């Protein structure tokens, strides 16, 4: 779970040093105090969430909301639940995956699902063209176009209107898409 969270932080362009995992036994009180002190100093040095990364508060809230919705989705939960099985027993065809391969799959999936959620959250505010979505989310137009088409096929988005020569997309229903 911590590895997944680091990957999500990286996908959001949030400094992954903001999350730490250390194993400390009950008999290592001094070591625990040192770790907590060092981490506290690091967080103070980085400042409020988004400051070190150059991301404003509203954008970071938006990105974290999208990431939360993505992690609650079926795809992300599935790959997390299958990590051990895929690395030990393999898939139904007996193909065993290395941790590196599973990590790459998760990276691609996380980026895709977070982008889907960012598009959904943006379209809750109104209808937008692919270019407008791309500009507002700072994502490549080609990626946005692909994600919009996937979300349309799944029945979450629809073509709402044409402005000039630009199609505007919107949500079919605000309640329909839950990250699955």
N, C-alpha and C. Protein backbone atom coordinates (compact mmCIF):
# COMPACT_ATOMS: atom_id res chain seq x y z
N UNK A 1 0.82 -1.20 0.00
CA UNK A 1 0.00 0.00 0.00
C UNK A 1 0.86 1.27 0.00
N UNK A 2 1.95 1.23 0.74
CA UNK A 2 2.83 2.40 0.78
C UNK A 2 3.48 2.61 -0.57
N UNK A 3 3.92 1.52 -1.21
CA UNK A 3 4.51 1.64 -2.55
C UNK A 3 3.49 2.25 -3.52
N UNK A 4 2.24 1.81 -3.44
CA UNK A 4 1.19 2.36 -4.28
C UNK A 4 1.02 3.85 -4.01
N UNK A 5 1.02 4.22 -2.76
CA UNK A 5 0.83 5.62 -2.40
C UNK A 5 1.99 6.47 -2.92
N UNK A 6 3.22 5.96 -2.84
CA UNK A 6 4.35 6.70 -3.41
C UNK A 6 4.17 6.91 -4.91
N UNK A 7 3.72 5.88 -5.60
CA UNK A 7 3.50 5.98 -7.04
C UNK A 7 2.41 7.00 -7.36
N UNK A 8 1.36 7.01 -6.55
CA UNK A 8 0.28 7.98 -6.76
C UNK A 8 0.79 9.39 -6.51
N UNK A 9 1.56 9.58 -5.46
CA UNK A 9 2.13 10.90 -5.19
C UNK A 9 2.99 11.36 -6.36
N UNK A 10 3.79 10.46 -6.91
CA UNK A 10 4.62 10.80 -8.07
C UNK A 10 3.74 11.17 -9.26
N UNK A 11 2.65 10.42 -9.48
CA UNK A 11 1.74 10.71 -10.58
C UNK A 11 1.09 12.09 -10.41
N UNK A 12 0.87 12.49 -9.16
CA UNK A 12 0.27 13.79 -8.87
C UNK A 12 1.29 14.93 -8.85
N UNK A 13 2.56 14.57 -9.01
CA UNK A 13 3.67 15.53 -8.95
C UNK A 13 3.87 16.08 -7.54
N UNK A 14 3.49 15.25 -6.54
CA UNK A 14 3.70 15.59 -5.13
C UNK A 14 4.98 14.88 -4.69
N UNK A 15 5.81 15.58 -3.95
CA UNK A 15 7.08 15.03 -3.49
C UNK A 15 6.82 13.76 -2.67
N UNK A 16 7.29 12.60 -3.15
CA UNK A 16 7.03 11.35 -2.42
C UNK A 16 7.75 11.27 -1.07
N UNK A 17 8.67 12.21 -0.81
CA UNK A 17 9.32 12.24 0.50
C UNK A 17 8.35 12.62 1.60
N UNK A 18 7.15 13.07 1.23
CA UNK A 18 6.14 13.44 2.22
C UNK A 18 5.53 12.21 2.89
N UNK A 19 5.89 11.05 2.41
CA UNK A 19 5.42 9.80 3.00
C UNK A 19 6.63 8.94 3.33
N UNK A 20 6.67 8.44 4.54
CA UNK A 20 7.80 7.61 4.95
C UNK A 20 7.28 6.35 5.63
N UNK A 21 8.04 5.28 5.47
CA UNK A 21 7.75 4.04 6.16
C UNK A 21 9.05 3.53 6.75
N UNK A 22 9.04 3.34 8.05
CA UNK A 22 10.20 2.80 8.77
C UNK A 22 9.71 1.71 9.70
N UNK A 23 10.46 0.64 9.80
CA UNK A 23 10.12 -0.44 10.72
C UNK A 23 10.93 -0.24 12.00
N UNK A 24 10.22 -0.15 13.12
CA UNK A 24 10.85 0.07 14.41
C UNK A 24 10.20 -0.86 15.42
N UNK A 25 11.02 -1.54 16.19
CA UNK A 25 10.46 -2.43 17.21
C UNK A 25 10.14 -1.62 18.47
N UNK A 26 9.37 -2.24 19.35
CA UNK A 26 8.97 -1.57 20.59
C UNK A 26 10.17 -1.24 21.46
N UNK A 27 11.27 -1.96 21.30
CA UNK A 27 12.46 -1.72 22.12
C UNK A 27 13.39 -0.66 21.55
N UNK A 28 13.00 0.00 20.47
CA UNK A 28 13.86 1.00 19.83
C UNK A 28 13.30 2.41 19.99
N UNK A 29 13.02 2.78 21.22
CA UNK A 29 12.44 4.10 21.50
C UNK A 29 13.28 5.25 20.99
N UNK A 30 14.59 5.18 21.18
CA UNK A 30 15.48 6.26 20.73
C UNK A 30 15.46 6.37 19.21
N UNK A 31 15.51 5.21 18.55
CA UNK A 31 15.50 5.21 17.10
C UNK A 31 14.18 5.78 16.58
N UNK A 32 13.06 5.40 17.22
CA UNK A 32 11.74 5.91 16.84
C UNK A 32 11.73 7.44 16.96
N UNK A 33 12.22 7.96 18.08
CA UNK A 33 12.25 9.41 18.29
C UNK A 33 13.10 10.10 17.21
N UNK A 34 14.23 9.51 16.85
CA UNK A 34 15.09 10.09 15.81
C UNK A 34 14.37 10.12 14.46
N UNK A 35 13.71 9.03 14.13
CA UNK A 35 13.00 8.94 12.85
C UNK A 35 11.89 9.99 12.79
N UNK A 36 11.10 10.09 13.85
CA UNK A 36 9.99 11.05 13.88
C UNK A 36 10.53 12.48 13.82
N UNK A 37 11.59 12.76 14.55
CA UNK A 37 12.18 14.10 14.55
C UNK A 37 12.69 14.46 13.17
N UNK A 38 13.41 13.54 12.55
CA UNK A 38 13.96 13.78 11.21
C UNK A 38 12.84 14.00 10.19
N UNK A 39 11.78 13.17 10.25
CA UNK A 39 10.66 13.30 9.32
C UNK A 39 9.91 14.62 9.55
N UNK A 40 9.72 14.98 10.80
CA UNK A 40 9.05 16.24 11.12
C UNK A 40 9.84 17.42 10.55
N UNK A 41 11.15 17.39 10.70
CA UNK A 41 12.00 18.44 10.15
C UNK A 41 11.85 18.51 8.63
N UNK A 42 11.85 17.35 7.98
CA UNK A 42 11.72 17.31 6.53
C UNK A 42 10.39 17.92 6.08
N UNK A 43 9.31 17.55 6.74
CA UNK A 43 7.99 18.07 6.37
C UNK A 43 7.93 19.58 6.58
N UNK A 44 8.49 20.06 7.68
CA UNK A 44 8.53 21.52 7.91
C UNK A 44 9.33 22.20 6.82
N UNK A 45 10.43 21.58 6.41
CA UNK A 45 11.27 22.13 5.36
C UNK A 45 10.54 22.18 4.02
N UNK A 46 9.74 21.15 3.72
CA UNK A 46 8.97 21.11 2.47
C UNK A 46 7.82 22.11 2.49
N UNK A 47 7.32 22.42 3.67
CA UNK A 47 6.21 23.36 3.79
C UNK A 47 4.88 22.70 3.55
N UNK A 48 3.83 23.53 3.49
CA UNK A 48 2.49 22.99 3.26
C UNK A 48 2.42 22.18 1.96
N UNK A 49 1.52 21.22 1.94
CA UNK A 49 1.35 20.37 0.78
C UNK A 49 1.16 21.21 -0.48
N UNK A 50 1.99 20.96 -1.47
CA UNK A 50 1.93 21.69 -2.73
C UNK A 50 2.94 22.80 -2.84
N UNK A 51 3.37 23.36 -1.73
CA UNK A 51 4.30 24.50 -1.76
C UNK A 51 5.63 24.11 -2.41
N UNK A 52 6.24 23.03 -1.93
CA UNK A 52 7.52 22.56 -2.47
C UNK A 52 7.38 22.16 -3.94
N UNK A 53 6.19 21.68 -4.30
CA UNK A 53 5.94 21.19 -5.65
C UNK A 53 5.51 22.29 -6.61
N UNK A 54 5.21 23.48 -6.08
CA UNK A 54 4.74 24.57 -6.93
C UNK A 54 3.31 24.38 -7.39
N UNK A 55 2.50 23.74 -6.55
CA UNK A 55 1.10 23.49 -6.88
C UNK A 55 0.23 24.26 -5.90
N UNK A 56 -0.71 25.06 -6.41
CA UNK A 56 -1.57 25.86 -5.52
C UNK A 56 -2.55 24.96 -4.77
N UNK A 57 -3.09 25.48 -3.69
CA UNK A 57 -3.93 24.71 -2.77
C UNK A 57 -5.16 24.11 -3.45
N UNK A 58 -5.83 24.87 -4.32
CA UNK A 58 -7.02 24.36 -5.00
C UNK A 58 -6.67 23.21 -5.94
N UNK A 59 -5.57 23.35 -6.66
CA UNK A 59 -5.15 22.31 -7.60
C UNK A 59 -4.78 21.04 -6.85
N UNK A 60 -4.07 21.18 -5.74
CA UNK A 60 -3.67 19.99 -4.98
C UNK A 60 -4.90 19.29 -4.41
N UNK A 61 -5.88 20.05 -3.94
CA UNK A 61 -7.12 19.45 -3.43
C UNK A 61 -7.84 18.68 -4.54
N UNK A 62 -7.89 19.30 -5.72
CA UNK A 62 -8.54 18.68 -6.88
C UNK A 62 -7.84 17.36 -7.24
N UNK A 63 -6.50 17.41 -7.30
CA UNK A 63 -5.71 16.22 -7.67
C UNK A 63 -5.85 15.12 -6.61
N UNK A 64 -5.84 15.49 -5.35
CA UNK A 64 -5.99 14.49 -4.29
C UNK A 64 -7.38 13.86 -4.31
N UNK A 65 -8.39 14.66 -4.62
CA UNK A 65 -9.75 14.13 -4.73
C UNK A 65 -9.83 13.13 -5.89
N UNK A 66 -9.22 13.47 -7.01
CA UNK A 66 -9.20 12.56 -8.16
C UNK A 66 -8.46 11.27 -7.81
N UNK A 67 -7.33 11.39 -7.13
CA UNK A 67 -6.55 10.21 -6.74
C UNK A 67 -7.35 9.33 -5.78
N UNK A 68 -8.04 9.95 -4.84
CA UNK A 68 -8.86 9.19 -3.88
C UNK A 68 -9.93 8.41 -4.62
N UNK A 69 -10.62 9.07 -5.54
CA UNK A 69 -11.66 8.38 -6.30
C UNK A 69 -11.06 7.27 -7.16
N UNK A 70 -9.89 7.50 -7.72
CA UNK A 70 -9.24 6.47 -8.54
C UNK A 70 -8.88 5.25 -7.70
N UNK A 71 -8.36 5.47 -6.49
CA UNK A 71 -7.96 4.34 -5.64
C UNK A 71 -9.16 3.57 -5.10
N UNK A 72 -10.31 4.20 -5.09
CA UNK A 72 -11.51 3.51 -4.65
C UNK A 72 -12.14 2.70 -5.78
N UNK A 73 -11.63 2.88 -6.98
CA UNK A 73 -12.18 2.20 -8.15
C UNK A 73 -11.79 0.73 -8.21
N UNK A 74 -12.56 -0.02 -8.96
CA UNK A 74 -12.38 -1.46 -9.08
C UNK A 74 -11.02 -1.85 -9.65
N UNK A 75 -10.57 -1.16 -10.69
CA UNK A 75 -9.30 -1.53 -11.33
C UNK A 75 -8.13 -1.44 -10.37
N UNK A 76 -8.04 -0.33 -9.65
CA UNK A 76 -6.92 -0.14 -8.73
C UNK A 76 -6.97 -1.15 -7.60
N UNK A 77 -8.15 -1.38 -7.06
CA UNK A 77 -8.28 -2.37 -5.98
C UNK A 77 -7.91 -3.75 -6.49
N UNK A 78 -8.29 -4.08 -7.73
CA UNK A 78 -8.02 -5.39 -8.29
C UNK A 78 -6.52 -5.63 -8.41
N UNK A 79 -5.80 -4.69 -9.02
CA UNK A 79 -4.36 -4.89 -9.23
C UNK A 79 -3.62 -4.96 -7.90
N UNK A 80 -4.05 -4.17 -6.93
CA UNK A 80 -3.42 -4.24 -5.61
C UNK A 80 -3.65 -5.60 -4.98
N UNK A 81 -4.86 -6.11 -5.11
CA UNK A 81 -5.20 -7.40 -4.52
C UNK A 81 -4.52 -8.57 -5.22
N UNK A 82 -4.12 -8.38 -6.46
CA UNK A 82 -3.53 -9.46 -7.25
C UNK A 82 -2.01 -9.44 -7.27
N UNK A 83 -1.38 -8.45 -6.65
CA UNK A 83 0.08 -8.33 -6.72
C UNK A 83 0.80 -9.60 -6.31
N UNK A 84 0.47 -10.12 -5.15
CA UNK A 84 1.16 -11.30 -4.65
C UNK A 84 0.89 -12.50 -5.54
N UNK A 85 -0.36 -12.69 -5.91
CA UNK A 85 -0.72 -13.81 -6.77
C UNK A 85 0.02 -13.74 -8.11
N UNK A 86 0.05 -12.57 -8.73
CA UNK A 86 0.71 -12.43 -10.02
C UNK A 86 2.22 -12.66 -9.94
N UNK A 87 2.82 -12.29 -8.80
CA UNK A 87 4.27 -12.45 -8.66
C UNK A 87 4.67 -13.87 -8.21
N UNK A 88 3.74 -14.62 -7.63
CA UNK A 88 4.06 -15.97 -7.17
C UNK A 88 3.48 -17.05 -8.07
N UNK A 89 2.17 -16.99 -8.30
CA UNK A 89 1.49 -18.03 -9.07
C UNK A 89 1.31 -17.66 -10.54
N UNK A 90 1.32 -16.36 -10.83
CA UNK A 90 1.11 -15.91 -12.20
C UNK A 90 -0.37 -15.74 -12.52
N UNK A 91 -0.63 -15.40 -13.77
CA UNK A 91 -2.00 -15.22 -14.21
C UNK A 91 -2.59 -16.57 -14.63
N UNK A 92 -3.75 -16.57 -15.23
CA UNK A 92 -4.41 -17.83 -15.59
C UNK A 92 -3.63 -18.62 -16.63
N UNK A 93 -2.68 -17.98 -17.30
CA UNK A 93 -1.86 -18.66 -18.29
C UNK A 93 -0.51 -19.09 -17.73
N UNK A 94 -0.34 -18.90 -16.42
CA UNK A 94 0.90 -19.31 -15.77
C UNK A 94 2.04 -18.32 -15.92
N UNK A 95 1.75 -17.14 -16.46
CA UNK A 95 2.79 -16.12 -16.62
C UNK A 95 3.02 -15.42 -15.28
N UNK A 96 4.23 -15.53 -14.76
CA UNK A 96 4.59 -14.90 -13.49
C UNK A 96 5.22 -13.56 -13.79
N UNK A 97 4.81 -12.53 -13.04
CA UNK A 97 5.28 -11.17 -13.26
C UNK A 97 6.29 -10.79 -12.19
N UNK A 98 7.32 -10.07 -12.58
CA UNK A 98 8.28 -9.54 -11.61
C UNK A 98 7.65 -8.35 -10.91
N UNK A 99 8.21 -7.96 -9.78
CA UNK A 99 7.71 -6.77 -9.08
C UNK A 99 7.86 -5.53 -9.96
N UNK A 100 8.92 -5.50 -10.75
CA UNK A 100 9.12 -4.38 -11.68
C UNK A 100 7.98 -4.31 -12.70
N UNK A 101 7.60 -5.45 -13.25
CA UNK A 101 6.51 -5.48 -14.23
C UNK A 101 5.18 -5.08 -13.60
N UNK A 102 4.94 -5.58 -12.41
CA UNK A 102 3.71 -5.22 -11.70
C UNK A 102 3.72 -3.72 -11.41
N UNK A 103 4.87 -3.19 -11.03
CA UNK A 103 5.00 -1.76 -10.78
C UNK A 103 4.70 -0.94 -12.02
N UNK A 104 5.19 -1.38 -13.16
CA UNK A 104 4.93 -0.67 -14.41
C UNK A 104 3.45 -0.71 -14.77
N UNK A 105 2.81 -1.87 -14.57
CA UNK A 105 1.37 -1.99 -14.82
C UNK A 105 0.62 -1.03 -13.92
N UNK A 106 1.01 -1.03 -12.65
CA UNK A 106 0.32 -0.15 -11.70
C UNK A 106 0.55 1.31 -12.06
N UNK A 107 1.76 1.69 -12.45
CA UNK A 107 2.04 3.07 -12.85
C UNK A 107 1.12 3.51 -13.98
N UNK A 108 1.03 2.67 -15.02
CA UNK A 108 0.17 3.01 -16.16
C UNK A 108 -1.29 3.10 -15.74
N UNK A 109 -1.72 2.14 -14.94
CA UNK A 109 -3.10 2.13 -14.48
C UNK A 109 -3.40 3.34 -13.61
N UNK A 110 -2.50 3.67 -12.70
CA UNK A 110 -2.71 4.82 -11.81
C UNK A 110 -2.82 6.10 -12.62
N UNK A 111 -1.92 6.30 -13.57
CA UNK A 111 -1.98 7.51 -14.40
C UNK A 111 -3.30 7.59 -15.17
N UNK A 112 -3.71 6.46 -15.73
CA UNK A 112 -4.95 6.42 -16.50
C UNK A 112 -6.17 6.70 -15.62
N UNK A 113 -6.23 6.03 -14.49
CA UNK A 113 -7.40 6.19 -13.61
C UNK A 113 -7.45 7.59 -12.98
N UNK A 114 -6.32 8.13 -12.63
CA UNK A 114 -6.30 9.49 -12.07
C UNK A 114 -6.73 10.49 -13.14
N UNK A 115 -6.24 10.31 -14.37
CA UNK A 115 -6.66 11.20 -15.47
C UNK A 115 -8.17 11.08 -15.70
N UNK A 116 -8.70 9.86 -15.68
CA UNK A 116 -10.15 9.68 -15.82
C UNK A 116 -10.90 10.47 -14.76
N UNK A 117 -10.44 10.34 -13.52
CA UNK A 117 -11.13 11.02 -12.42
C UNK A 117 -11.00 12.54 -12.51
N UNK A 118 -9.83 13.02 -12.95
CA UNK A 118 -9.68 14.46 -13.13
C UNK A 118 -10.64 14.98 -14.19
N UNK A 119 -10.78 14.23 -15.27
CA UNK A 119 -11.72 14.62 -16.34
C UNK A 119 -13.14 14.62 -15.81
N UNK A 120 -13.51 13.58 -15.08
CA UNK A 120 -14.86 13.49 -14.51
C UNK A 120 -15.11 14.68 -13.58
N UNK A 121 -14.16 14.95 -12.68
CA UNK A 121 -14.34 16.06 -11.74
C UNK A 121 -14.45 17.40 -12.46
N UNK A 122 -13.65 17.59 -13.49
CA UNK A 122 -13.71 18.84 -14.26
C UNK A 122 -15.06 18.97 -14.95
N UNK A 123 -15.54 17.88 -15.53
CA UNK A 123 -16.80 17.93 -16.27
C UNK A 123 -18.01 18.06 -15.33
N UNK A 124 -17.81 17.86 -14.04
CA UNK A 124 -18.88 18.16 -13.09
C UNK A 124 -19.16 19.66 -13.06
N UNK A 125 -18.17 20.45 -13.48
CA UNK A 125 -18.29 21.91 -13.47
C UNK A 125 -18.91 22.45 -14.76
N UNK A 126 -18.96 21.63 -15.80
CA UNK A 126 -19.52 22.09 -17.06
C UNK A 126 -19.01 21.26 -18.23
N UNK A 127 -19.40 21.65 -19.42
CA UNK A 127 -19.01 20.95 -20.63
C UNK A 127 -17.77 21.60 -21.23
N UNK A 128 -16.83 20.77 -21.69
CA UNK A 128 -15.58 21.28 -22.23
C UNK A 128 -15.14 20.48 -23.45
N UNK A 129 -14.34 21.14 -24.28
CA UNK A 129 -13.72 20.47 -25.42
C UNK A 129 -12.48 19.74 -24.93
N UNK A 130 -11.94 18.87 -25.78
CA UNK A 130 -10.71 18.16 -25.45
C UNK A 130 -9.60 19.16 -25.18
N UNK A 131 -9.48 20.20 -25.99
CA UNK A 131 -8.43 21.20 -25.79
C UNK A 131 -8.59 21.92 -24.46
N UNK A 132 -9.82 22.29 -24.13
CA UNK A 132 -10.06 22.96 -22.85
C UNK A 132 -9.72 22.05 -21.67
N UNK A 133 -10.11 20.78 -21.77
CA UNK A 133 -9.79 19.81 -20.71
C UNK A 133 -8.27 19.68 -20.60
N UNK A 134 -7.62 19.56 -21.73
CA UNK A 134 -6.16 19.45 -21.77
C UNK A 134 -5.49 20.64 -21.10
N UNK A 135 -5.95 21.84 -21.44
CA UNK A 135 -5.37 23.06 -20.86
C UNK A 135 -5.62 23.14 -19.36
N UNK A 136 -6.84 22.85 -18.94
CA UNK A 136 -7.20 22.98 -17.52
C UNK A 136 -6.50 21.94 -16.65
N UNK A 137 -6.29 20.73 -17.19
CA UNK A 137 -5.68 19.66 -16.41
C UNK A 137 -4.19 19.50 -16.67
N UNK A 138 -3.68 20.30 -17.59
CA UNK A 138 -2.26 20.22 -17.94
C UNK A 138 -1.86 18.80 -18.37
N UNK A 139 -2.72 18.22 -19.21
CA UNK A 139 -2.47 16.90 -19.77
C UNK A 139 -2.36 17.03 -21.28
N UNK A 140 -1.58 16.16 -21.92
CA UNK A 140 -1.50 16.22 -23.38
C UNK A 140 -2.87 15.99 -24.04
N UNK A 141 -3.16 16.75 -25.09
CA UNK A 141 -4.45 16.61 -25.78
C UNK A 141 -4.69 15.19 -26.26
N UNK A 142 -3.61 14.52 -26.72
CA UNK A 142 -3.76 13.16 -27.22
C UNK A 142 -4.22 12.23 -26.10
N UNK A 143 -3.70 12.41 -24.89
CA UNK A 143 -4.11 11.59 -23.76
C UNK A 143 -5.56 11.88 -23.40
N UNK A 144 -5.91 13.17 -23.37
CA UNK A 144 -7.28 13.55 -23.02
C UNK A 144 -8.26 12.97 -24.04
N UNK A 145 -7.93 13.05 -25.32
CA UNK A 145 -8.80 12.51 -26.35
C UNK A 145 -9.03 11.02 -26.14
N UNK A 146 -7.97 10.28 -25.87
CA UNK A 146 -8.10 8.84 -25.61
C UNK A 146 -8.97 8.57 -24.38
N UNK A 147 -8.72 9.31 -23.30
CA UNK A 147 -9.48 9.10 -22.07
C UNK A 147 -10.95 9.46 -22.27
N UNK A 148 -11.21 10.54 -23.00
CA UNK A 148 -12.60 10.95 -23.27
C UNK A 148 -13.31 9.86 -24.06
N UNK A 149 -12.63 9.29 -25.06
CA UNK A 149 -13.25 8.23 -25.85
C UNK A 149 -13.54 6.99 -25.01
N UNK A 150 -12.61 6.63 -24.12
CA UNK A 150 -12.83 5.49 -23.23
C UNK A 150 -14.03 5.77 -22.32
N UNK A 151 -14.09 6.96 -21.74
CA UNK A 151 -15.19 7.30 -20.85
C UNK A 151 -16.52 7.38 -21.60
N UNK A 152 -16.48 7.79 -22.85
CA UNK A 152 -17.71 7.79 -23.67
C UNK A 152 -18.19 6.37 -23.93
N UNK A 153 -17.25 5.48 -24.30
CA UNK A 153 -17.63 4.08 -24.56
C UNK A 153 -18.21 3.42 -23.31
N UNK A 154 -17.70 3.81 -22.16
CA UNK A 154 -18.20 3.24 -20.90
C UNK A 154 -19.54 3.86 -20.50
N UNK A 155 -19.95 4.90 -21.21
CA UNK A 155 -21.25 5.52 -20.94
C UNK A 155 -21.23 6.60 -19.87
N UNK A 156 -20.05 7.12 -19.54
CA UNK A 156 -19.96 8.13 -18.49
C UNK A 156 -20.01 9.55 -19.05
N UNK A 157 -19.53 9.72 -20.28
CA UNK A 157 -19.52 11.03 -20.93
C UNK A 157 -20.32 10.95 -22.22
N UNK A 158 -20.76 12.11 -22.66
CA UNK A 158 -21.43 12.19 -23.95
C UNK A 158 -21.11 13.52 -24.61
N UNK A 159 -21.29 13.55 -25.90
CA UNK A 159 -21.14 14.77 -26.66
C UNK A 159 -22.36 15.63 -26.33
N UNK A 160 -22.11 16.82 -25.79
CA UNK A 160 -23.22 17.68 -25.36
C UNK A 160 -23.61 18.69 -26.42
N UNK A 161 -22.59 19.25 -27.10
CA UNK A 161 -22.86 20.26 -28.12
C UNK A 161 -21.61 20.48 -28.95
N UNK A 162 -21.77 21.23 -30.04
CA UNK A 162 -20.64 21.61 -30.87
C UNK A 162 -20.55 23.12 -30.82
N UNK A 163 -19.37 23.63 -30.43
CA UNK A 163 -19.13 25.08 -30.40
C UNK A 163 -18.13 25.36 -31.52
N UNK A 164 -18.59 26.04 -32.55
CA UNK A 164 -17.73 26.25 -33.72
C UNK A 164 -17.46 24.89 -34.33
N UNK A 165 -16.22 24.47 -34.31
CA UNK A 165 -15.89 23.13 -34.82
C UNK A 165 -15.42 22.21 -33.68
N UNK A 166 -15.63 22.64 -32.44
CA UNK A 166 -15.16 21.86 -31.28
C UNK A 166 -16.31 21.15 -30.58
N UNK A 167 -16.22 19.82 -30.49
CA UNK A 167 -17.22 19.10 -29.69
C UNK A 167 -16.99 19.36 -28.20
N UNK A 168 -18.06 19.57 -27.48
CA UNK A 168 -18.00 19.75 -26.03
C UNK A 168 -18.57 18.50 -25.37
N UNK A 169 -17.83 18.00 -24.39
CA UNK A 169 -18.23 16.78 -23.70
C UNK A 169 -18.70 17.12 -22.29
N UNK A 170 -19.63 16.30 -21.81
CA UNK A 170 -20.13 16.47 -20.46
C UNK A 170 -20.50 15.13 -19.87
N UNK A 171 -20.82 15.14 -18.60
CA UNK A 171 -21.20 13.91 -17.91
C UNK A 171 -22.60 13.49 -18.32
N UNK A 172 -22.80 12.19 -18.43
CA UNK A 172 -24.12 11.65 -18.68
C UNK A 172 -24.97 11.91 -17.44
N UNK A 173 -24.38 11.61 -16.28
CA UNK A 173 -25.03 11.84 -15.00
C UNK A 173 -23.92 11.97 -13.96
N UNK A 174 -24.07 12.88 -13.03
CA UNK A 174 -23.03 13.08 -12.01
C UNK A 174 -22.87 11.86 -11.12
N UNK A 175 -23.90 11.07 -10.95
CA UNK A 175 -23.85 9.94 -10.05
C UNK A 175 -23.34 8.66 -10.73
N UNK A 176 -23.28 8.64 -12.04
CA UNK A 176 -22.99 7.40 -12.76
C UNK A 176 -21.59 6.89 -12.50
N UNK A 177 -20.60 7.73 -12.61
CA UNK A 177 -19.20 7.26 -12.56
C UNK A 177 -18.69 7.24 -11.14
N UNK A 178 -18.33 6.06 -10.66
CA UNK A 178 -17.81 5.92 -9.29
C UNK A 178 -16.41 5.38 -9.28
N UNK A 179 -15.71 5.48 -10.43
CA UNK A 179 -14.32 5.04 -10.48
C UNK A 179 -14.14 3.61 -10.93
N UNK A 180 -15.17 2.95 -11.34
CA UNK A 180 -15.05 1.55 -11.79
C UNK A 180 -14.77 1.47 -13.27
